[in-house]
Amino acid sequence: MELRTFSSLCLVCWLLATSQPTFGGDTAARAAGSGETPVRCRAIVSTDIGGSDNDDYQSMVHFLHYADVFDIEGLLASPPDNGRVANILEVIDAYAEDYQNLRNHSSDYPSPESLRSVSKQGAIESAPKEGFSQSTDASNWLIQRARIEDSRPLYILVWGSITDVAQAVHDAPDIKKRIRVYSIGSWNTHKDRAARNYLFENHADLWWIESDTTFRGMYVGGNQQGDLDNRTFLERHARGHGALGDFLVSKLDKIKMGDTPSVLYLLHGDPNNPEAEHWGGSFVKTEHGPHYWTDSSLPDLAEGKYPGAKTVNRWREDFLRDWQRRLEWALPSVIK
């Protein structure tokens, strides 16, 4: 399969939240090659990093390796369990060590200071039965960024409970027309079902991809031959590859990264069309609202017991090989 350059593909994020796309990633890449200026995707990550599962550390490392192709407008620490903004700052500290080497390849990498400035603490407890409670620094920040005058939608990538998103939408329902949510469900939903149900039952007009099983394709199935094996890939291509690579392996020495498909969705494919092919999965519309998509139930897209997972793992070699290249950027011996 052809490998693609993401800084070009992210051009498709220029469209307004209400626009109808007429092209996909390949066309966007050609447009960028013709001299048009790529427009970067706006993104906020809401994560339970430091809480119950170390794979959020892995996903944050991966995300920061691609920090040059996004406008990162927020890194929010949300529940469940013990996730705190200090855990986000741990990863940024590792990024700071690699920063100059990464900038040898792209001057668009944001400074560590700018990333620290948009790191905010969210709720530390799940929502009560109503699905919302008191505003937090994170929910207020989300509202502030959503209200910025910008023609691009603000993508909110939810890696933990959806608590702070529900709070923000409750406090400022006007932001719904400006945001797009891609949430990793399953365990995260279980840890705060009230917040999820509040959004689902009261805000059916929210643009929302809810991935309950599709995300499993990040580490289940696909091409895992040779160095593409979950453990071998990190041993060969992350360990010893800068501070970020070593930090990732120290937290979990095999690929899980179940939240990463939310990032991959923006890196390859037309983000305006969740039903199209993306590295982060393809989804189906249901009867719930005009802008809600979830896992496909088609048998041929399931990986074992996980519906939709093959829409991610079919791209495994492509997205891992491209990440491998960026891991190498952290090495001082690699010259642009």
C-alpha atoms as a PDB file:
ATOM      1  CA  MET A   1       0.000   0.000   0.000  1.00  0.00           C
ATOM      2  CA  GLU A   2       1.122   3.527  -0.755  1.00  0.00           C
ATOM      3  CA  LEU A   3       2.339   5.524   2.215  1.00  0.00           C
ATOM      4  CA  ARG A   4       1.007   9.052   2.420  1.00  0.00           C
ATOM      5  CA  THR A   5       2.241  12.339   3.902  1.00  0.00           C
ATOM      6  CA  PHE A   6      -0.090  13.587   6.577  1.00  0.00           C
ATOM      7  CA  SER A   7       0.724  17.275   6.522  1.00  0.00           C
ATOM      8  CA  SER A   8      -0.862  17.324   3.064  1.00  0.00           C
ATOM      9  CA  LEU A   9      -3.794  15.113   3.942  1.00  0.00           C
ATOM     10  CA  CYS A  10      -4.808  17.310   6.824  1.00  0.00           C
ATOM     11  CA  LEU A  11      -5.812  19.899   4.222  1.00  0.00           C
ATOM     12  CA  VAL A  12      -9.324  18.426   4.188  1.00  0.00           C
ATOM     13  CA  CYS A  13      -9.885  19.897   7.649  1.00  0.00           C
ATOM     14  CA  TRP A  14     -10.303  23.379   6.120  1.00  0.00           C
ATOM     15  CA  LEU A  15     -14.028  22.764   5.521  1.00  0.00           C
ATOM     16  CA  LEU A  16     -16.689  24.328   7.672  1.00  0.00           C
ATOM     17  CA  ALA A  17     -18.515  22.061  10.058  1.00  0.00           C
ATOM     18  CA  THR A  18     -21.629  22.438   7.894  1.00  0.00           C
ATOM     19  CA  SER A  19     -20.003  21.989   4.505  1.00  0.00           C
ATOM     20  CA  GLN A  20     -20.365  18.991   2.229  1.00  0.00           C
ATOM     21  CA  PRO A  21     -17.040  17.508   1.092  1.00  0.00           C
ATOM     22  CA  THR A  22     -16.388  16.760  -2.560  1.00  0.00           C
ATOM     23  CA  PHE A  23     -12.978  15.207  -2.192  1.00  0.00           C
ATOM     24  CA  GLY A  24     -10.996  12.839  -0.026  1.00  0.00           C
ATOM     25  CA  GLY A  25      -7.445  12.548   1.184  1.00  0.00           C
ATOM     26  CA  ASP A  26      -5.836  11.734  -2.185  1.00  0.00           C
ATOM     27  CA  THR A  27      -7.381  14.790  -3.825  1.00  0.00           C
ATOM     28  CA  ALA A  28      -6.306  16.899  -0.866  1.00  0.00           C
ATOM     29  CA  ALA A  29      -2.746  15.705  -1.279  1.00  0.00           C
ATOM     30  CA  ARG A  30      -2.792  16.656  -4.954  1.00  0.00           C
ATOM     31  CA  ALA A  31      -4.227  20.070  -4.089  1.00  0.00           C
ATOM     32  CA  ALA A  32      -1.443  20.651  -1.595  1.00  0.00           C
ATOM     33  CA  GLY A  33       1.078  19.606  -4.205  1.00  0.00           C
ATOM     34  CA  SER A  34      -0.350  22.177  -6.611  1.00  0.00           C
ATOM     35  CA  GLY A  35       0.687  25.032  -4.363  1.00  0.00           C
ATOM     36  CA  GLU A  36      -2.371  25.494  -2.168  1.00  0.00           C
ATOM     37  CA  THR A  37      -1.608  26.154   1.487  1.00  0.00           C
ATOM     38  CA  PRO A  38      -2.695  23.277   3.746  1.00  0.00           C
ATOM     39  CA  VAL A  39      -5.040  24.274   6.545  1.00  0.00           C
ATOM     40  CA  ARG A  40      -4.395  22.510   9.807  1.00  0.00           C
ATOM     41  CA  CYS A  41      -6.943  20.540  11.803  1.00  0.00           C
ATOM     42  CA  ARG A  42      -7.948  22.032  15.145  1.00  0.00           C
ATOM     43  CA  ALA A  43      -7.834  19.396  17.875  1.00  0.00           C
ATOM     44  CA  ILE A  44      -8.410  19.001  21.600  1.00  0.00           C
ATOM     45  CA  VAL A  45      -7.597  15.748  23.379  1.00  0.00           C
ATOM     46  CA  SER A  46      -9.510  14.748  26.509  1.00  0.00           C
ATOM     47  CA  THR A  47      -7.684  11.893  28.204  1.00  0.00           C
ATOM     48  CA  ASP A  48      -7.688   9.800  31.374  1.00  0.00           C
ATOM     49  CA  ILE A  49      -3.904   9.509  31.084  1.00  0.00           C
ATOM     50  CA  GLY A  50      -2.345   8.380  34.345  1.00  0.00           C
ATOM     51  CA  GLY A  51      -5.565   6.684  35.365  1.00  0.00           C
ATOM     52  CA  SER A  52      -6.500   3.073  34.851  1.00  0.00           C
ATOM     53  CA  ASP A  53      -4.690   2.249  31.609  1.00  0.00           C
ATOM     54  CA  ASN A  54      -1.173   3.121  30.429  1.00  0.00           C
ATOM     55  CA  ASP A  55      -2.155   3.043  26.776  1.00  0.00           C
ATOM     56  CA  ASP A  56      -3.135   6.710  26.993  1.00  0.00           C
ATOM     57  CA  TYR A  57       0.547   7.489  27.511  1.00  0.00           C
ATOM     58  CA  GLN A  58       1.281   5.633  24.272  1.00  0.00           C
ATOM     59  CA  SER A  59      -1.422   7.505  22.380  1.00  0.00           C
ATOM     60  CA  MET A  60      -0.173  10.845  23.698  1.00  0.00           C
ATOM     61  CA  VAL A  61       3.367  10.067  22.546  1.00  0.00           C
ATOM     62  CA  HIS A  62       2.049   9.153  19.095  1.00  0.00           C
ATOM     63  CA  PHE A  63      -0.075  12.324  18.971  1.00  0.00           C
ATOM     64  CA  LEU A  64       2.900  14.534  19.837  1.00  0.00           C
ATOM     65  CA  HIS A  65       4.962  12.908  17.099  1.00  0.00           C
ATOM     66  CA  TYR A  66       2.320  14.366  14.759  1.00  0.00           C
ATOM     67  CA  ALA A  67       1.962  17.662  16.599  1.00  0.00           C
ATOM     68  CA  ASP A  68       3.254  19.575  13.580  1.00  0.00           C
ATOM     69  CA  VAL A  69       0.153  18.795  11.475  1.00  0.00           C
ATOM     70  CA  PHE A  70      -2.440  19.948  14.033  1.00  0.00           C
ATOM     71  CA  ASP A  71      -3.414  23.119  15.787  1.00  0.00           C
ATOM     72  CA  ILE A  72      -3.427  21.608  19.271  1.00  0.00           C
ATOM     73  CA  GLU A  73      -5.853  23.745  21.260  1.00  0.00           C
ATOM     74  CA  GLY A  74      -6.187  21.679  24.402  1.00  0.00           C
ATOM     75  CA  LEU A  75      -4.859  18.693  26.318  1.00  0.00           C
ATOM     76  CA  LEU A  76      -7.445  17.954  28.981  1.00  0.00           C
ATOM     77  CA  ALA A  77      -7.113  15.548  31.918  1.00  0.00           C
ATOM     78  CA  SER A  78     -10.448  13.871  32.614  1.00  0.00           C
ATOM     79  CA  PRO A  79     -11.729  10.910  34.615  1.00  0.00           C
ATOM     80  CA  PRO A  80     -11.880   8.047  35.392  1.00  0.00           C
ATOM     81  CA  ASP A  81      -9.631   7.178  38.293  1.00  0.00           C
ATOM     82  CA  ASN A  82      -6.388   9.069  38.876  1.00  0.00           C
ATOM     83  CA  GLY A  83      -5.721  10.895  35.620  1.00  0.00           C
ATOM     84  CA  ARG A  84      -4.301  14.359  36.267  1.00  0.00           C
ATOM     85  CA  VAL A  85      -2.834  17.170  34.212  1.00  0.00           C
ATOM     86  CA  ALA A  86       0.550  16.334  35.769  1.00  0.00           C
ATOM     87  CA  ASN A  87       0.510  13.121  33.747  1.00  0.00           C
ATOM     88  CA  ILE A  88       0.069  15.077  30.521  1.00  0.00           C
ATOM     89  CA  LEU A  89       2.995  17.266  31.530  1.00  0.00           C
ATOM     90  CA  GLU A  90       5.154  14.149  31.944  1.00  0.00           C
ATOM     91  CA  VAL A  91       4.763  13.428  28.247  1.00  0.00           C
ATOM     92  CA  ILE A  92       5.377  17.042  27.291  1.00  0.00           C
ATOM     93  CA  ASP A  93       8.625  16.939  29.282  1.00  0.00           C
ATOM     94  CA  ALA A  94       9.772  13.994  27.142  1.00  0.00           C
ATOM     95  CA  TYR A  95       8.654  15.876  24.015  1.00  0.00           C
ATOM     96  CA  ALA A  96      10.757  18.834  25.128  1.00  0.00           C
ATOM     97  CA  GLU A  97      13.869  16.641  25.042  1.00  0.00           C
ATOM     98  CA  ASP A  98      13.134  15.616  21.445  1.00  0.00           C
ATOM     99  CA  TYR A  99      11.845  19.005  20.331  1.00  0.00           C
ATOM    100  CA  GLN A 100      14.932  20.323  18.531  1.00  0.00           C
ATOM    101  CA  ASN A 101      15.507  17.060  16.680  1.00  0.00           C
ATOM    102  CA  LEU A 102      11.872  16.965  15.576  1.00  0.00           C
ATOM    103  CA  ARG A 103      12.104  20.566  14.369  1.00  0.00           C
ATOM    104  CA  ASN A 104      14.965  19.551  12.107  1.00  0.00           C
ATOM    105  CA  HIS A 105      12.242  17.885  10.029  1.00  0.00           C
ATOM    106  CA  SER A 106       9.336  20.276  10.510  1.00  0.00           C
ATOM    107  CA  SER A 107       9.385  23.823  11.810  1.00  0.00           C
ATOM    108  CA  ASP A 108       5.674  23.477  12.620  1.00  0.00           C
ATOM    109  CA  TYR A 109       6.186  21.485  15.804  1.00  0.00           C
ATOM    110  CA  PRO A 110       4.704  23.569  18.644  1.00  0.00           C
ATOM    111  CA  SER A 111       6.932  24.587  21.514  1.00  0.00           C
ATOM    112  CA  PRO A 112       6.713  22.604  24.750  1.00  0.00           C
ATOM    113  CA  GLU A 113       5.676  25.829  26.479  1.00  0.00           C
ATOM    114  CA  SER A 114       2.675  26.253  24.178  1.00  0.00           C
ATOM    115  CA  LEU A 115       1.556  22.686  24.889  1.00  0.00           C
ATOM    116  CA  ARG A 116       1.873  23.198  28.633  1.00  0.00           C
ATOM    117  CA  SER A 117      -0.195  26.369  28.370  1.00  0.00           C
ATOM    118  CA  VAL A 118      -3.183  24.489  26.902  1.00  0.00           C
ATOM    119  CA  SER A 119      -3.018  21.568  29.357  1.00  0.00           C
ATOM    120  CA  LYS A 120      -5.984  21.780  31.731  1.00  0.00           C
ATOM    121  CA  GLN A 121      -7.432  19.754  34.572  1.00  0.00           C
ATOM    122  CA  GLY A 122     -10.922  18.416  34.079  1.00  0.00           C
ATOM    123  CA  ALA A 123     -13.313  16.619  36.369  1.00  0.00           C
ATOM    124  CA  ILE A 124     -11.771  14.210  38.835  1.00  0.00           C
ATOM    125  CA  GLU A 125     -14.996  12.300  39.466  1.00  0.00           C
ATOM    126  CA  SER A 126     -17.608  10.846  37.162  1.00  0.00           C
ATOM    127  CA  ALA A 127     -20.771  12.860  36.609  1.00  0.00           C
ATOM    128  CA  PRO A 128     -23.792  12.327  38.886  1.00  0.00           C
ATOM    129  CA  LYS A 129     -26.924  10.697  37.507  1.00  0.00           C
ATOM    130  CA  GLU A 130     -27.968  13.906  35.733  1.00  0.00           C
ATOM    131  CA  GLY A 131     -24.864  13.619  33.514  1.00  0.00           C
ATOM    132  CA  PHE A 132     -23.443  17.009  34.445  1.00  0.00           C
ATOM    133  CA  SER A 133     -22.320  18.796  37.594  1.00  0.00           C
ATOM    134  CA  GLN A 134     -19.941  21.722  38.093  1.00  0.00           C
ATOM    135  CA  SER A 135     -17.826  23.329  35.398  1.00  0.00           C
ATOM    136  CA  THR A 136     -14.091  22.614  35.395  1.00  0.00           C
ATOM    137  CA  ASP A 137     -11.030  24.340  33.990  1.00  0.00           C
ATOM    138  CA  ALA A 138     -11.163  21.816  31.157  1.00  0.00           C
ATOM    139  CA  SER A 139     -14.850  22.235  30.329  1.00  0.00           C
ATOM    140  CA  ASN A 140     -14.530  26.027  30.434  1.00  0.00           C
ATOM    141  CA  TRP A 141     -11.466  25.876  28.206  1.00  0.00           C
ATOM    142  CA  LEU A 142     -13.329  23.694  25.749  1.00  0.00           C
ATOM    143  CA  ILE A 143     -16.147  26.257  25.576  1.00  0.00           C
ATOM    144  CA  GLN A 144     -13.673  29.101  25.115  1.00  0.00           C
ATOM    145  CA  ARG A 145     -11.882  27.387  22.236  1.00  0.00           C
ATOM    146  CA  ALA A 146     -15.121  26.308  20.571  1.00  0.00           C
ATOM    147  CA  ARG A 147     -16.339  29.904  20.537  1.00  0.00           C
ATOM    148  CA  ILE A 148     -13.231  31.213  18.808  1.00  0.00           C
ATOM    149  CA  GLU A 149     -14.089  32.675  15.412  1.00  0.00           C
ATOM    150  CA  ASP A 150     -12.675  30.068  13.053  1.00  0.00           C
ATOM    151  CA  SER A 151     -14.284  28.503  10.007  1.00  0.00           C
ATOM    152  CA  ARG A 152     -12.789  25.106  10.854  1.00  0.00           C
ATOM    153  CA  PRO A 153     -14.554  22.649  13.139  1.00  0.00           C
ATOM    154  CA  LEU A 154     -12.926  21.882  16.479  1.00  0.00           C
ATOM    155  CA  TYR A 155     -12.309  18.142  16.809  1.00  0.00           C
ATOM    156  CA  ILE A 156     -12.516  16.783  20.341  1.00  0.00           C
ATOM    157  CA  LEU A 157     -10.791  13.418  20.692  1.00  0.00           C
ATOM    158  CA  VAL A 158     -12.117  11.697  23.815  1.00  0.00           C
ATOM    159  CA  TRP A 159      -9.788   9.034  25.211  1.00  0.00           C
ATOM    160  CA  GLY A 160     -11.341   8.729  28.652  1.00  0.00           C
ATOM    161  CA  SER A 161     -14.779   9.433  30.029  1.00  0.00           C
ATOM    162  CA  ILE A 162     -16.789  12.042  28.149  1.00  0.00           C
ATOM    163  CA  THR A 163     -17.441  13.925  31.414  1.00  0.00           C
ATOM    164  CA  ASP A 164     -15.939  17.296  30.505  1.00  0.00           C
ATOM    165  CA  VAL A 165     -17.488  17.327  27.040  1.00  0.00           C
ATOM    166  CA  ALA A 166     -20.930  16.695  28.543  1.00  0.00           C
ATOM    167  CA  GLN A 167     -20.358  19.500  31.044  1.00  0.00           C
ATOM    168  CA  ALA A 168     -19.289  21.919  28.319  1.00  0.00           C
ATOM    169  CA  VAL A 169     -22.267  21.092  26.094  1.00  0.00           C
ATOM    170  CA  HIS A 170     -24.630  21.451  29.051  1.00  0.00           C
ATOM    171  CA  ASP A 171     -23.169  24.823  30.003  1.00  0.00           C
ATOM    172  CA  ALA A 172     -22.925  26.141  26.436  1.00  0.00           C
ATOM    173  CA  PRO A 173     -25.132  24.219  23.983  1.00  0.00           C
ATOM    174  CA  ASP A 174     -24.323  26.810  21.319  1.00  0.00           C
ATOM    175  CA  ILE A 175     -20.915  25.190  20.838  1.00  0.00           C
ATOM    176  CA  LYS A 176     -22.457  22.085  19.278  1.00  0.00           C
ATOM    177  CA  LYS A 177     -22.451  23.683  15.838  1.00  0.00           C
ATOM    178  CA  ARG A 178     -18.699  24.253  16.119  1.00  0.00           C
ATOM    179  CA  ILE A 179     -17.419  20.941  17.538  1.00  0.00           C
ATOM    180  CA  ARG A 180     -16.996  17.378  16.342  1.00  0.00           C
ATOM    181  CA  VAL A 181     -16.522  14.570  18.833  1.00  0.00           C
ATOM    182  CA  TYR A 182     -14.732  11.250  18.249  1.00  0.00           C
ATOM    183  CA  SER A 183     -14.997   9.241  21.461  1.00  0.00           C
ATOM    184  CA  ILE A 184     -13.487   5.907  22.413  1.00  0.00           C
ATOM    185  CA  GLY A 185     -16.296   4.157  24.275  1.00  0.00           C
ATOM    186  CA  SER A 186     -16.321   0.692  25.845  1.00  0.00           C
ATOM    187  CA  TRP A 187     -14.524   0.898  29.221  1.00  0.00           C
ATOM    188  CA  ASN A 188     -14.584   4.694  29.158  1.00  0.00           C
ATOM    189  CA  THR A 189     -18.366   4.726  28.815  1.00  0.00           C
ATOM    190  CA  HIS A 190     -18.670   2.218  31.636  1.00  0.00           C
ATOM    191  CA  LYS A 191     -16.744   4.551  33.944  1.00  0.00           C
ATOM    192  CA  ASP A 192     -19.144   7.452  33.343  1.00  0.00           C
ATOM    193  CA  ARG A 193     -22.314   6.259  31.674  1.00  0.00           C
ATOM    194  CA  ALA A 194     -24.318   9.188  33.038  1.00  0.00           C
ATOM    195  CA  ALA A 195     -22.326  11.777  31.067  1.00  0.00           C
ATOM    196  CA  ARG A 196     -22.502   9.684  27.906  1.00  0.00           C
ATOM    197  CA  ASN A 197     -26.229   9.095  28.263  1.00  0.00           C
ATOM    198  CA  TYR A 198     -26.858  12.778  28.937  1.00  0.00           C
ATOM    199  CA  LEU A 199     -25.307  13.677  25.585  1.00  0.00           C
ATOM    200  CA  PHE A 200     -26.968  10.809  23.744  1.00  0.00           C
ATOM    201  CA  GLU A 201     -30.448  11.460  25.105  1.00  0.00           C
ATOM    202  CA  ASN A 202     -30.457  15.265  25.137  1.00  0.00           C
ATOM    203  CA  HIS A 203     -28.169  16.357  22.304  1.00  0.00           C
ATOM    204  CA  ALA A 204     -28.997  14.212  19.310  1.00  0.00           C
ATOM    205  CA  ASP A 205     -27.803  16.983  16.993  1.00  0.00           C
ATOM    206  CA  LEU A 206     -24.199  16.678  18.242  1.00  0.00           C
ATOM    207  CA  TRP A 207     -21.672  15.620  15.565  1.00  0.00           C
ATOM    208  CA  TRP A 208     -20.367  12.453  17.195  1.00  0.00           C
ATOM    209  CA  ILE A 209     -18.467   9.306  16.263  1.00  0.00           C
ATOM    210  CA  GLU A 210     -18.818   6.816  19.106  1.00  0.00           C
ATOM    211  CA  SER A 211     -16.327   3.978  18.679  1.00  0.00           C
ATOM    212  CA  ASP A 212     -17.086   1.103  21.024  1.00  0.00           C
ATOM    213  CA  THR A 213     -15.214  -1.685  19.213  1.00  0.00           C
ATOM    214  CA  THR A 214     -13.750  -0.310  15.978  1.00  0.00           C
ATOM    215  CA  PHE A 215     -10.779   1.122  17.889  1.00  0.00           C
ATOM    216  CA  ARG A 216      -9.643  -2.393  18.829  1.00  0.00           C
ATOM    217  CA  GLY A 217      -8.247  -2.699  15.307  1.00  0.00           C
ATOM    218  CA  MET A 218      -5.315  -0.619  16.507  1.00  0.00           C
ATOM    219  CA  TYR A 219      -3.797  -3.665  18.197  1.00  0.00           C
ATOM    220  CA  VAL A 220      -5.961  -6.681  17.250  1.00  0.00           C
ATOM    221  CA  GLY A 221      -5.556  -8.302  13.833  1.00  0.00           C
ATOM    222  CA  GLY A 222      -4.064  -6.777  10.722  1.00  0.00           C
ATOM    223  CA  ASN A 223      -0.531  -7.413   9.514  1.00  0.00           C
ATOM    224  CA  GLN A 224       1.517  -8.346  12.566  1.00  0.00           C
ATOM    225  CA  GLN A 225       4.290 -10.154  10.738  1.00  0.00           C
ATOM    226  CA  GLY A 226       7.929  -9.521  11.550  1.00  0.00           C
ATOM    227  CA  ASP A 227       8.628  -6.127  13.073  1.00  0.00           C
ATOM    228  CA  LEU A 228       4.923  -5.198  12.796  1.00  0.00           C
ATOM    229  CA  ASP A 229       4.194  -7.371  15.810  1.00  0.00           C
ATOM    230  CA  ASN A 230       2.817  -5.350  18.721  1.00  0.00           C
ATOM    231  CA  ARG A 231       5.829  -5.932  20.943  1.00  0.00           C
ATOM    232  CA  THR A 232       8.540  -6.138  18.297  1.00  0.00           C
ATOM    233  CA  PHE A 233       7.588  -2.854  16.657  1.00  0.00           C
ATOM    234  CA  LEU A 234       8.137  -0.914  19.864  1.00  0.00           C
ATOM    235  CA  GLU A 235      11.328  -2.783  20.686  1.00  0.00           C
ATOM    236  CA  ARG A 236      12.868  -1.988  17.302  1.00  0.00           C
ATOM    237  CA  HIS A 237      11.394   1.388  16.449  1.00  0.00           C
ATOM    238  CA  ALA A 238      10.470   3.130  19.726  1.00  0.00           C
ATOM    239  CA  ARG A 239      13.031   2.019  22.297  1.00  0.00           C
ATOM    240  CA  GLY A 240      16.168   4.109  21.892  1.00  0.00           C
ATOM    241  CA  HIS A 241      14.377   6.544  19.587  1.00  0.00           C
ATOM    242  CA  GLY A 242      14.423   9.698  21.604  1.00  0.00           C
ATOM    243  CA  ALA A 243      12.933  10.538  24.957  1.00  0.00           C
ATOM    244  CA  LEU A 244       9.374  10.058  23.708  1.00  0.00           C
ATOM    245  CA  GLY A 245      10.098   6.575  22.373  1.00  0.00           C
ATOM    246  CA  ASP A 246      11.780   5.469  25.600  1.00  0.00           C
ATOM    247  CA  PHE A 247       9.008   7.020  27.683  1.00  0.00           C
ATOM    248  CA  LEU A 248       6.373   5.118  25.715  1.00  0.00           C
ATOM    249  CA  VAL A 249       8.085   1.755  26.150  1.00  0.00           C
ATOM    250  CA  SER A 250       8.610   2.409  29.857  1.00  0.00           C
ATOM    251  CA  LYS A 251       4.854   2.729  30.307  1.00  0.00           C
ATOM    252  CA  LEU A 252       3.805  -0.249  28.168  1.00  0.00           C
ATOM    253  CA  ASP A 253       6.170  -2.305  26.038  1.00  0.00           C
ATOM    254  CA  LYS A 254       3.706  -3.498  23.413  1.00  0.00           C
ATOM    255  CA  ILE A 255       1.295  -1.645  21.172  1.00  0.00           C
ATOM    256  CA  LYS A 256      -2.134  -1.111  22.595  1.00  0.00           C
ATOM    257  CA  MET A 257      -2.831   2.581  21.950  1.00  0.00           C
ATOM    258  CA  GLY A 258      -6.575   2.037  21.797  1.00  0.00           C
ATOM    259  CA  ASP A 259      -7.209   5.786  21.658  1.00  0.00           C
ATOM    260  CA  THR A 260      -4.930   6.438  18.691  1.00  0.00           C
ATOM    261  CA  PRO A 261      -7.575   5.666  16.008  1.00  0.00           C
ATOM    262  CA  SER A 262      -9.175   9.009  16.897  1.00  0.00           C
ATOM    263  CA  VAL A 263      -5.955  10.679  15.709  1.00  0.00           C
ATOM    264  CA  LEU A 264      -5.562   8.378  12.712  1.00  0.00           C
ATOM    265  CA  TYR A 265      -9.061   9.374  11.628  1.00  0.00           C
ATOM    266  CA  LEU A 266      -7.836  12.926  11.049  1.00  0.00           C
ATOM    267  CA  LEU A 267      -4.544  11.875   9.475  1.00  0.00           C
ATOM    268  CA  HIS A 268      -5.847   9.848   6.543  1.00  0.00           C
ATOM    269  CA  GLY A 269      -9.288  10.051   4.955  1.00  0.00           C
ATOM    270  CA  ASP A 270     -11.951  12.715   4.646  1.00  0.00           C
ATOM    271  CA  PRO A 271     -12.924  13.678   8.224  1.00  0.00           C
ATOM    272  CA  ASN A 272     -16.159  15.211   6.970  1.00  0.00           C
ATOM    273  CA  ASN A 273     -17.422  11.749   6.016  1.00  0.00           C
ATOM    274  CA  PRO A 274     -17.258   9.138   8.806  1.00  0.00           C
ATOM    275  CA  GLU A 275     -18.652   6.504   6.452  1.00  0.00           C
ATOM    276  CA  ALA A 276     -15.632   6.747   4.149  1.00  0.00           C
ATOM    277  CA  GLU A 277     -12.365   4.893   4.676  1.00  0.00           C
ATOM    278  CA  HIS A 278      -9.979   6.338   7.282  1.00  0.00           C
ATOM    279  CA  TRP A 279      -7.002   4.979   9.110  1.00  0.00           C
ATOM    280  CA  GLY A 280      -9.085   5.537  12.237  1.00  0.00           C
ATOM    281  CA  GLY A 281     -12.018   3.452  11.015  1.00  0.00           C
ATOM    282  CA  SER A 282     -15.194   3.646   8.973  1.00  0.00           C
ATOM    283  CA  PHE A 283     -18.518   4.097  10.732  1.00  0.00           C
ATOM    284  CA  VAL A 284     -22.233   3.802  10.050  1.00  0.00           C
ATOM    285  CA  LYS A 285     -25.029   6.269  10.619  1.00  0.00           C
ATOM    286  CA  THR A 286     -27.913   5.139  12.802  1.00  0.00           C
ATOM    287  CA  GLU A 287     -31.408   6.512  13.334  1.00  0.00           C
ATOM    288  CA  HIS A 288     -30.110   8.521  16.278  1.00  0.00           C
ATOM    289  CA  GLY A 289     -29.748  12.076  15.113  1.00  0.00           C
ATOM    290  CA  PRO A 290     -28.416  13.532  11.864  1.00  0.00           C
ATOM    291  CA  HIS A 291     -24.736  13.482  12.824  1.00  0.00           C
ATOM    292  CA  TYR A 292     -24.168  10.310  14.848  1.00  0.00           C
ATOM    293  CA  TRP A 293     -22.076   7.350  13.701  1.00  0.00           C
ATOM    294  CA  THR A 294     -20.900   4.189  15.404  1.00  0.00           C
ATOM    295  CA  ASP A 295     -19.360   0.747  14.717  1.00  0.00           C
ATOM    296  CA  SER A 296     -20.413  -1.186  11.630  1.00  0.00           C
ATOM    297  CA  SER A 297     -22.206  -4.471  12.275  1.00  0.00           C
ATOM    298  CA  LEU A 298     -21.205  -6.007   8.935  1.00  0.00           C
ATOM    299  CA  PRO A 299     -19.688  -9.457   9.671  1.00  0.00           C
ATOM    300  CA  ASP A 300     -16.839  -9.054   7.196  1.00  0.00           C
ATOM    301  CA  LEU A 301     -15.636  -5.915   9.015  1.00  0.00           C
ATOM    302  CA  ALA A 302     -15.430  -7.586  12.432  1.00  0.00           C
ATOM    303  CA  GLU A 303     -12.142  -8.804  13.857  1.00  0.00           C
ATOM    304  CA  GLY A 304     -13.219 -11.712  16.033  1.00  0.00           C
ATOM    305  CA  LYS A 305     -15.677 -10.319  18.563  1.00  0.00           C
ATOM    306  CA  TYR A 306     -14.975  -6.681  17.672  1.00  0.00           C
ATOM    307  CA  PRO A 307     -17.359  -5.161  15.094  1.00  0.00           C
ATOM    308  CA  GLY A 308     -15.736  -2.685  12.724  1.00  0.00           C
ATOM    309  CA  ALA A 309     -12.172  -3.377  13.875  1.00  0.00           C
ATOM    310  CA  LYS A 310     -11.007  -4.412  10.404  1.00  0.00           C
ATOM    311  CA  THR A 311     -11.700  -0.887   9.150  1.00  0.00           C
ATOM    312  CA  VAL A 312      -8.689   0.126  11.248  1.00  0.00           C
ATOM    313  CA  ASN A 313      -6.370  -2.872  11.130  1.00  0.00           C
ATOM    314  CA  ARG A 314      -6.519  -3.158   7.326  1.00  0.00           C
ATOM    315  CA  TRP A 315      -4.292  -0.031   7.369  1.00  0.00           C
ATOM    316  CA  ARG A 316      -1.925  -1.264  10.083  1.00  0.00           C
ATOM    317  CA  GLU A 317       1.217  -1.467   7.969  1.00  0.00           C
ATOM    318  CA  ASP A 318       0.655   1.988   6.485  1.00  0.00           C
ATOM    319  CA  PHE A 319       0.103   3.864   9.727  1.00  0.00           C
ATOM    320  CA  LEU A 320       2.854   2.046  11.623  1.00  0.00           C
ATOM    321  CA  ARG A 321       5.428   2.607   8.882  1.00  0.00           C
ATOM    322  CA  ASP A 322       4.669   6.299   8.810  1.00  0.00           C
ATOM    323  CA  TRP A 323       4.923   6.540  12.575  1.00  0.00           C
ATOM    324  CA  GLN A 324       8.222   4.637  12.360  1.00  0.00           C
ATOM    325  CA  ARG A 325       9.557   7.455  10.186  1.00  0.00           C
ATOM    326  CA  ARG A 326       8.555  10.041  12.768  1.00  0.00           C
ATOM    327  CA  LEU A 327      10.069   8.046  15.599  1.00  0.00           C
ATOM    328  CA  GLU A 328      13.339   8.221  13.673  1.00  0.00           C
ATOM    329  CA  TRP A 329      13.053  12.001  13.498  1.00  0.00           C
ATOM    330  CA  ALA A 330      13.833  12.108  17.210  1.00  0.00           C
ATOM    331  CA  LEU A 331      17.301  10.690  16.559  1.00  0.00           C
ATOM    332  CA  PRO A 332      20.050  13.303  16.244  1.00  0.00           C
ATOM    333  CA  SER A 333      21.817  11.240  13.569  1.00  0.00           C
ATOM    334  CA  VAL A 334      18.854  11.489  11.198  1.00  0.00           C
ATOM    335  CA  ILE A 335      19.154  14.587   9.051  1.00  0.00           C
ATOM    336  CA  LYS A 336      16.360  16.109   7.021  1.00  0.00           C
END
